[in-house]
C-alpha atoms as a PDB file:
ATOM      1  CA  MET A   1      67.650 122.735 100.394  1.00  0.00           C
ATOM      2  CA  LYS A   2      67.997 120.211 103.113  1.00  0.00           C
ATOM      3  CA  LEU A   3      69.799 116.976 102.402  1.00  0.00           C
ATOM      4  CA  LEU A   4      69.269 114.055 104.688  1.00  0.00           C
ATOM      5  CA  ILE A   5      71.373 111.069 105.630  1.00  0.00           C
ATOM      6  CA  CYS A   6      69.420 108.319 107.500  1.00  0.00           C
ATOM      7  CA  ARG A   7      71.062 105.402 109.356  1.00  0.00           C
ATOM      8  CA  ARG A   8      68.882 103.558 111.685  1.00  0.00           C
ATOM      9  CA  ARG A   9      67.725 106.040 114.304  1.00  0.00           C
ATOM     10  CA  ARG A  10      70.500 108.616 113.606  1.00  0.00           C
ATOM     11  CA  LEU A  11      69.839 111.546 111.273  1.00  0.00           C
ATOM     12  CA  ILE A  12      72.170 114.101 109.874  1.00  0.00           C
ATOM     13  CA  VAL A  13      70.518 117.236 108.427  1.00  0.00           C
ATOM     14  CA  THR A  14      72.456 119.534 106.113  1.00  0.00           C
ATOM     15  CA  VAL A  15      71.244 123.084 106.506  1.00  0.00           C
ATOM     16  CA  ILE A  16      73.759 124.729 104.270  1.00  0.00           C
ATOM     17  CA  PRO A  17      72.164 125.276 100.838  1.00  0.00           C
ATOM     18  CA  LEU A  18      73.387 123.127  98.026  1.00  0.00           C
ATOM     19  CA  SER A  19      73.980 126.290  95.915  1.00  0.00           C
ATOM     20  CA  GLN A  20      76.456 127.536  98.620  1.00  0.00           C
ATOM     21  CA  MET A  21      78.396 124.219  98.639  1.00  0.00           C
ATOM     22  CA  ILE A  22      78.690 124.253  94.888  1.00  0.00           C
ATOM     23  CA  ALA A  23      79.915 127.882  95.017  1.00  0.00           C
ATOM     24  CA  GLU A  24      82.532 126.934  97.572  1.00  0.00           C
ATOM     25  CA  LEU A  25      83.557 123.915  95.376  1.00  0.00           C
ATOM     26  CA  LYS A  26      83.883 126.178  92.448  1.00  0.00           C
ATOM     27  CA  LYS A  27      86.051 128.638  94.532  1.00  0.00           C
ATOM     28  CA  LEU A  28      88.265 125.796  95.646  1.00  0.00           C
ATOM     29  CA  ALA A  29      88.792 124.857  92.124  1.00  0.00           C
ATOM     30  CA  GLN A  30      89.743 128.360  91.216  1.00  0.00           C
ATOM     31  CA  LEU A  31      92.115 128.763  94.187  1.00  0.00           C
ATOM     32  CA  THR A  32      93.905 125.479  93.422  1.00  0.00           C
ATOM     33  CA  ASN A  33      93.962 125.914  89.624  1.00  0.00           C
ATOM     34  CA  SER A  34      91.911 122.688  89.269  1.00  0.00           C
ATOM     35  CA  ILE A  35      89.650 121.825  86.484  1.00  0.00           C
ATOM     36  CA  LEU A  36      86.355 120.181  87.527  1.00  0.00           C
ATOM     37  CA  ARG A  37      85.092 117.432  85.399  1.00  0.00           C
ATOM     38  CA  PRO A  38      81.717 117.420  83.781  1.00  0.00           C
ATOM     39  CA  PRO A  39      78.796 116.059  85.930  1.00  0.00           C
ATOM     40  CA  ALA A  40      78.784 112.291  86.633  1.00  0.00           C
ATOM     41  CA  SER A  41      76.242 110.360  84.466  1.00  0.00           C
ATOM     42  CA  ASP A  42      73.121 108.855  86.044  1.00  0.00           C
ATOM     43  CA  ALA A  43      74.523 105.322  85.272  1.00  0.00           C
ATOM     44  CA  THR A  44      77.786 106.079  87.059  1.00  0.00           C
ATOM     45  CA  LEU A  45      75.969 107.505  90.064  1.00  0.00           C
ATOM     46  CA  GLU A  46      73.811 104.420  90.259  1.00  0.00           C
ATOM     47  CA  LEU A  47      76.896 102.207  90.130  1.00  0.00           C
ATOM     48  CA  LEU A  48      78.396 104.292  93.016  1.00  0.00           C
ATOM     49  CA  LYS A  49      75.107 103.931  95.035  1.00  0.00           C
ATOM     50  CA  SER A  50      75.042 100.198  94.484  1.00  0.00           C
ATOM     51  CA  SER A  51      78.550  99.884  95.909  1.00  0.00           C
ATOM     52  CA  TYR A  52      77.499 101.202  99.387  1.00  0.00           C
ATOM     53  CA  SER A  53      74.594 100.408 101.691  1.00  0.00           C
ATOM     54  CA  GLU A  54      74.299 104.236 102.326  1.00  0.00           C
ATOM     55  CA  ILE A  55      75.878 107.247 100.963  1.00  0.00           C
ATOM     56  CA  PRO A  56      75.582 111.038 101.940  1.00  0.00           C
ATOM     57  CA  ALA A  57      73.164 112.837  99.674  1.00  0.00           C
ATOM     58  CA  LEU A  58      75.544 115.786  99.441  1.00  0.00           C
ATOM     59  CA  LEU A  59      78.212 113.741  97.811  1.00  0.00           C
ATOM     60  CA  VAL A  60      75.838 112.561  95.215  1.00  0.00           C
ATOM     61  CA  GLU A  61      74.679 116.082  94.574  1.00  0.00           C
ATOM     62  CA  LEU A  62      78.262 117.368  94.272  1.00  0.00           C
ATOM     63  CA  LEU A  63      79.174 114.550  91.849  1.00  0.00           C
ATOM     64  CA  SER A  64      76.042 115.422  89.865  1.00  0.00           C
ATOM     65  CA  PHE A  65      77.567 118.965  89.555  1.00  0.00           C
ATOM     66  CA  ALA A  66      81.223 117.842  88.933  1.00  0.00           C
ATOM     67  CA  ASP A  67      82.494 114.379  88.693  1.00  0.00           C
ATOM     68  CA  GLY A  68      85.711 115.065  90.580  1.00  0.00           C
ATOM     69  CA  GLU A  69      88.660 117.058  89.232  1.00  0.00           C
ATOM     70  CA  GLN A  70      90.848 116.345  86.285  1.00  0.00           C
ATOM     71  CA  ASP A  71      94.454 114.891  86.693  1.00  0.00           C
ATOM     72  CA  SER A  72      93.485 113.522  90.133  1.00  0.00           C
ATOM     73  CA  SER A  73      96.284 111.031  90.500  1.00  0.00           C
ATOM     74  CA  PHE A  74      98.880 111.904  93.164  1.00  0.00           C
ATOM     75  CA  LYS A  75      98.126 115.616  93.036  1.00  0.00           C
ATOM     76  CA  SER A  76      98.943 118.124  95.785  1.00  0.00           C
ATOM     77  CA  ASN A  77      97.017 121.267  96.483  1.00  0.00           C
ATOM     78  CA  GLY A  78      93.742 119.429  95.768  1.00  0.00           C
ATOM     79  CA  ILE A  79      90.313 120.642  96.722  1.00  0.00           C
ATOM     80  CA  ILE A  80      89.536 117.903  99.257  1.00  0.00           C
ATOM     81  CA  ALA A  81      91.865 118.336 102.316  1.00  0.00           C
ATOM     82  CA  PHE A  82      94.505 119.289  99.935  1.00  0.00           C
ATOM     83  CA  GLU A  83      94.066 116.099  98.029  1.00  0.00           C
ATOM     84  CA  ALA A  84      92.385 115.503  94.586  1.00  0.00           C
ATOM     85  CA  PHE A  85      88.600 115.014  94.559  1.00  0.00           C
ATOM     86  CA  ILE A  86      88.002 111.813  92.660  1.00  0.00           C
ATOM     87  CA  SER A  87      85.193 110.767  90.358  1.00  0.00           C
ATOM     88  CA  ALA A  88      82.197 108.562  91.158  1.00  0.00           C
ATOM     89  CA  GLU A  89      83.704 105.677  89.208  1.00  0.00           C
ATOM     90  CA  GLU A  90      86.939 106.089  91.061  1.00  0.00           C
ATOM     91  CA  ILE A  91      85.166 106.114  94.480  1.00  0.00           C
ATOM     92  CA  ALA A  92      83.457 102.845  93.604  1.00  0.00           C
ATOM     93  CA  ARG A  93      86.676 101.336  92.382  1.00  0.00           C
ATOM     94  CA  GLU A  94      88.861 102.504  95.224  1.00  0.00           C
ATOM     95  CA  HIS A  95      86.484 101.113  97.780  1.00  0.00           C
ATOM     96  CA  ASP A  96      88.141  97.696  97.434  1.00  0.00           C
ATOM     97  CA  PHE A  97      91.505  99.211  98.249  1.00  0.00           C
ATOM     98  CA  VAL A  98      90.449 101.223 101.268  1.00  0.00           C
ATOM     99  CA  THR A  99      88.522  98.361 102.832  1.00  0.00           C
ATOM    100  CA  SER A 100      91.237  95.610 102.224  1.00  0.00           C
ATOM    101  CA  TYR A 101      94.273  97.689 103.484  1.00  0.00           C
ATOM    102  CA  GLU A 102      95.729  96.089 106.663  1.00  0.00           C
ATOM    103  CA  TYR A 103      97.249  98.260 109.238  1.00  0.00           C
ATOM    104  CA  ASP A 104     100.135  96.693 111.242  1.00  0.00           C
ATOM    105  CA  ASP A 105      98.495  97.846 114.489  1.00  0.00           C
ATOM    106  CA  LEU A 106      95.224  99.542 113.916  1.00  0.00           C
ATOM    107  CA  ASN A 107      94.593 100.202 117.624  1.00  0.00           C
ATOM    108  CA  GLN A 108      97.863 102.067 117.958  1.00  0.00           C
ATOM    109  CA  PHE A 109      96.846 104.796 115.525  1.00  0.00           C
ATOM    110  CA  VAL A 110      93.133 105.323 115.749  1.00  0.00           C
ATOM    111  CA  GLU A 111      91.207 107.674 118.125  1.00  0.00           C
ATOM    112  CA  CYS A 112      89.681 104.780 120.054  1.00  0.00           C
ATOM    113  CA  ASP A 113      86.200 106.233 120.732  1.00  0.00           C
ATOM    114  CA  ARG A 114      85.503 108.000 117.404  1.00  0.00           C
ATOM    115  CA  ILE A 115      86.812 105.436 114.980  1.00  0.00           C
ATOM    116  CA  ASN A 116      86.033 101.747 114.774  1.00  0.00           C
ATOM    117  CA  GLN A 117      88.889  99.497 115.656  1.00  0.00           C
ATOM    118  CA  ARG A 118      89.039  96.204 113.753  1.00  0.00           C
ATOM    119  CA  PRO A 119      91.750  93.888 112.546  1.00  0.00           C
ATOM    120  CA  ASN A 120      91.057  94.893 108.933  1.00  0.00           C
ATOM    121  CA  TRP A 121      89.642  98.185 107.898  1.00  0.00           C
ATOM    122  CA  HIS A 122      85.876  98.202 107.753  1.00  0.00           C
ATOM    123  CA  SER A 123      83.421  98.554 104.844  1.00  0.00           C
ATOM    124  CA  GLY A 124      81.859 101.678 105.992  1.00  0.00           C
ATOM    125  CA  LEU A 125      84.357 104.002 104.427  1.00  0.00           C
ATOM    126  CA  ILE A 126      83.701 105.994 101.259  1.00  0.00           C
ATOM    127  CA  PRO A 127      86.815 107.444  99.658  1.00  0.00           C
ATOM    128  CA  ILE A 128      86.543 110.813  98.218  1.00  0.00           C
ATOM    129  CA  SER A 129      90.119 111.829  97.491  1.00  0.00           C
ATOM    130  CA  PHE A 130      93.509 110.183  96.874  1.00  0.00           C
ATOM    131  CA  GLY A 131      96.880 111.740  96.823  1.00  0.00           C
ATOM    132  CA  TYR A 132     100.623 111.470  97.496  1.00  0.00           C
ATOM    133  CA  ASP A 133     101.894 108.481  99.508  1.00  0.00           C
ATOM    134  CA  LEU A 134      98.559 106.713  99.186  1.00  0.00           C
ATOM    135  CA  HIS A 135      96.921 109.398 101.279  1.00  0.00           C
ATOM    136  CA  CYS A 136      93.147 108.954 101.309  1.00  0.00           C
ATOM    137  CA  VAL A 137      90.207 111.102 102.562  1.00  0.00           C
ATOM    138  CA  CYS A 138      87.139 108.971 103.490  1.00  0.00           C
ATOM    139  CA  ILE A 139      83.577 109.490 104.629  1.00  0.00           C
ATOM    140  CA  ASP A 140      83.011 107.300 107.618  1.00  0.00           C
ATOM    141  CA  MET A 141      79.555 105.815 107.692  1.00  0.00           C
ATOM    142  CA  ASN A 142      80.272 103.268 110.479  1.00  0.00           C
ATOM    143  CA  PRO A 143      82.087 105.225 113.206  1.00  0.00           C
ATOM    144  CA  GLY A 144      83.100 104.277 116.781  1.00  0.00           C
ATOM    145  CA  PRO A 145      80.814 104.731 119.721  1.00  0.00           C
ATOM    146  CA  ALA A 146      81.796 108.399 120.184  1.00  0.00           C
ATOM    147  CA  GLY A 147      82.051 109.054 116.477  1.00  0.00           C
ATOM    148  CA  ARG A 148      79.546 110.670 114.174  1.00  0.00           C
ATOM    149  CA  VAL A 149      78.020 109.121 110.976  1.00  0.00           C
ATOM    150  CA  GLY A 150      79.418 110.962 108.073  1.00  0.00           C
ATOM    151  CA  GLN A 151      82.557 112.179 109.849  1.00  0.00           C
ATOM    152  CA  ILE A 152      85.583 112.586 107.670  1.00  0.00           C
ATOM    153  CA  LEU A 153      88.785 110.551 108.140  1.00  0.00           C
ATOM    154  CA  GLY A 154      92.327 111.252 106.864  1.00  0.00           C
ATOM    155  CA  LEU A 155      94.192 107.990 106.220  1.00  0.00           C
ATOM    156  CA  ARG A 156      97.883 107.886 105.720  1.00  0.00           C
ATOM    157  CA  PRO A 157      98.669 104.129 105.181  1.00  0.00           C
ATOM    158  CA  ILE A 158     102.416 104.632 104.798  1.00  0.00           C
ATOM    159  CA  CYS A 159     102.814 105.943 108.372  1.00  0.00           C
ATOM    160  CA  GLY A 160      99.802 103.934 109.595  1.00  0.00           C
ATOM    161  CA  ASN A 161      98.040 107.210 110.858  1.00  0.00           C
ATOM    162  CA  ILE A 162      94.229 107.716 110.894  1.00  0.00           C
ATOM    163  CA  GLN A 163      92.548 110.876 112.165  1.00  0.00           C
ATOM    164  CA  VAL A 164      89.174 112.586 112.216  1.00  0.00           C
ATOM    165  CA  ILE A 165      89.667 115.690 110.196  1.00  0.00           C
ATOM    166  CA  ALA A 166      86.159 117.171 110.014  1.00  0.00           C
ATOM    167  CA  ASN A 167      82.643 116.289 111.366  1.00  0.00           C
ATOM    168  CA  ASP A 168      81.137 116.012 107.874  1.00  0.00           C
ATOM    169  CA  LEU A 169      81.606 116.654 104.228  1.00  0.00           C
ATOM    170  CA  GLU A 170      80.211 120.273 104.377  1.00  0.00           C
ATOM    171  CA  ALA A 171      82.653 121.125 107.297  1.00  0.00           C
ATOM    172  CA  LEU A 172      85.504 119.602 105.385  1.00  0.00           C
ATOM    173  CA  ILE A 173      84.878 121.660 102.226  1.00  0.00           C
ATOM    174  CA  GLN A 174      84.539 124.873 104.405  1.00  0.00           C
ATOM    175  CA  LYS A 175      87.577 124.004 106.410  1.00  0.00           C
ATOM    176  CA  THR A 176      89.713 123.394 103.248  1.00  0.00           C
ATOM    177  CA  LEU A 177      88.577 126.758 101.717  1.00  0.00           C
ATOM    178  CA  ALA A 178      89.321 128.649 104.965  1.00  0.00           C
ATOM    179  CA  ILE A 179      92.843 127.298 105.094  1.00  0.00           C
ATOM    180  CA  TYR A 180      93.555 128.163 101.550  1.00  0.00           C
ATOM    181  CA  ASP A 181      92.136 131.612 102.042  1.00  0.00           C
ATOM    182  CA  ALA A 182      94.220 132.091 105.259  1.00  0.00           C
ATOM    183  CA  ARG A 183      97.431 130.896 103.578  1.00  0.00           C
ATOM    184  CA  SER A 184      96.974 132.825 100.423  1.00  0.00           C
ATOM    185  CA  VAL A 185      98.233 129.817  98.436  1.00  0.00           C
ATOM    186  CA  ASP A 186      99.050 130.732  94.858  1.00  0.00           C
ATOM    187  CA  VAL A 187      99.228 127.376  93.074  1.00  0.00           C
ATOM    188  CA  SER A 188     100.028 129.022  89.752  1.00  0.00           C
ATOM    189  CA  ASP A 189     103.358 129.966  91.180  1.00  0.00           C
ATOM    190  CA  PRO A 190     105.871 127.034  90.588  1.00  0.00           C
ATOM    191  CA  ASN A 191     107.515 127.769  93.789  1.00  0.00           C
ATOM    192  CA  CYS A 192     104.472 127.659  95.944  1.00  0.00           C
ATOM    193  CA  LEU A 193     104.204 125.174  98.869  1.00  0.00           C
ATOM    194  CA  CYS A 194     102.716 121.886  97.839  1.00  0.00           C
ATOM    195  CA  LEU A 195     100.047 121.056 100.452  1.00  0.00           C
ATOM    196  CA  THR A 196      98.927 117.506 101.069  1.00  0.00           C
ATOM    197  CA  LEU A 197      96.933 115.653 103.782  1.00  0.00           C
ATOM    198  CA  ASP A 198      99.997 115.852 105.937  1.00  0.00           C
ATOM    199  CA  ASP A 199      99.398 119.527 106.187  1.00  0.00           C
ATOM    200  CA  PHE A 200      95.640 119.296 107.079  1.00  0.00           C
ATOM    201  CA  PRO A 201      94.871 119.772 110.775  1.00  0.00           C
ATOM    202  CA  PRO A 202      92.806 117.112 112.607  1.00  0.00           C
ATOM    203  CA  GLN A 203      89.354 117.972 113.993  1.00  0.00           C
END
């Protein structure tokens, strides 16, 4: 299956089968001892779509399989860049927080060519996870001139840091899975290392 994201004359084609992405999401849930929620309802997905002018098809498909993970508030060792995968309703609700947050000096922290620089954060961000210290992972649908539509940003509001951490949602899931596999993290062990966005490498 190919999932398309259209934005004016730019097109992103997902060549990874949806079944593979779902299998990787399930494996991440197993590795992190997370419980995936039931699928998002059609009404909730429509609410989400109405909150944004455009949204990646893969995100909608994944939420149609699992509406985020349970106990998503301030969780470490989550399935999205070590943070918790939030629900469609939470994505729509947290949009206001992400787009209204003011950085003291945005230009000091962004990668100037890949991420838009504005006095206030722009409305092209779709939050897909939240975690410790207000960490947030977002899909960027309105990147800078050298950026890519659908690139993934890691936002750390407390320290004012913003980074590109993956080229797209597919790459983010695969990167998270590869790091967990490499580190052999056993989250069932109470003494295991608690991973957060601070531990996730930039792109």
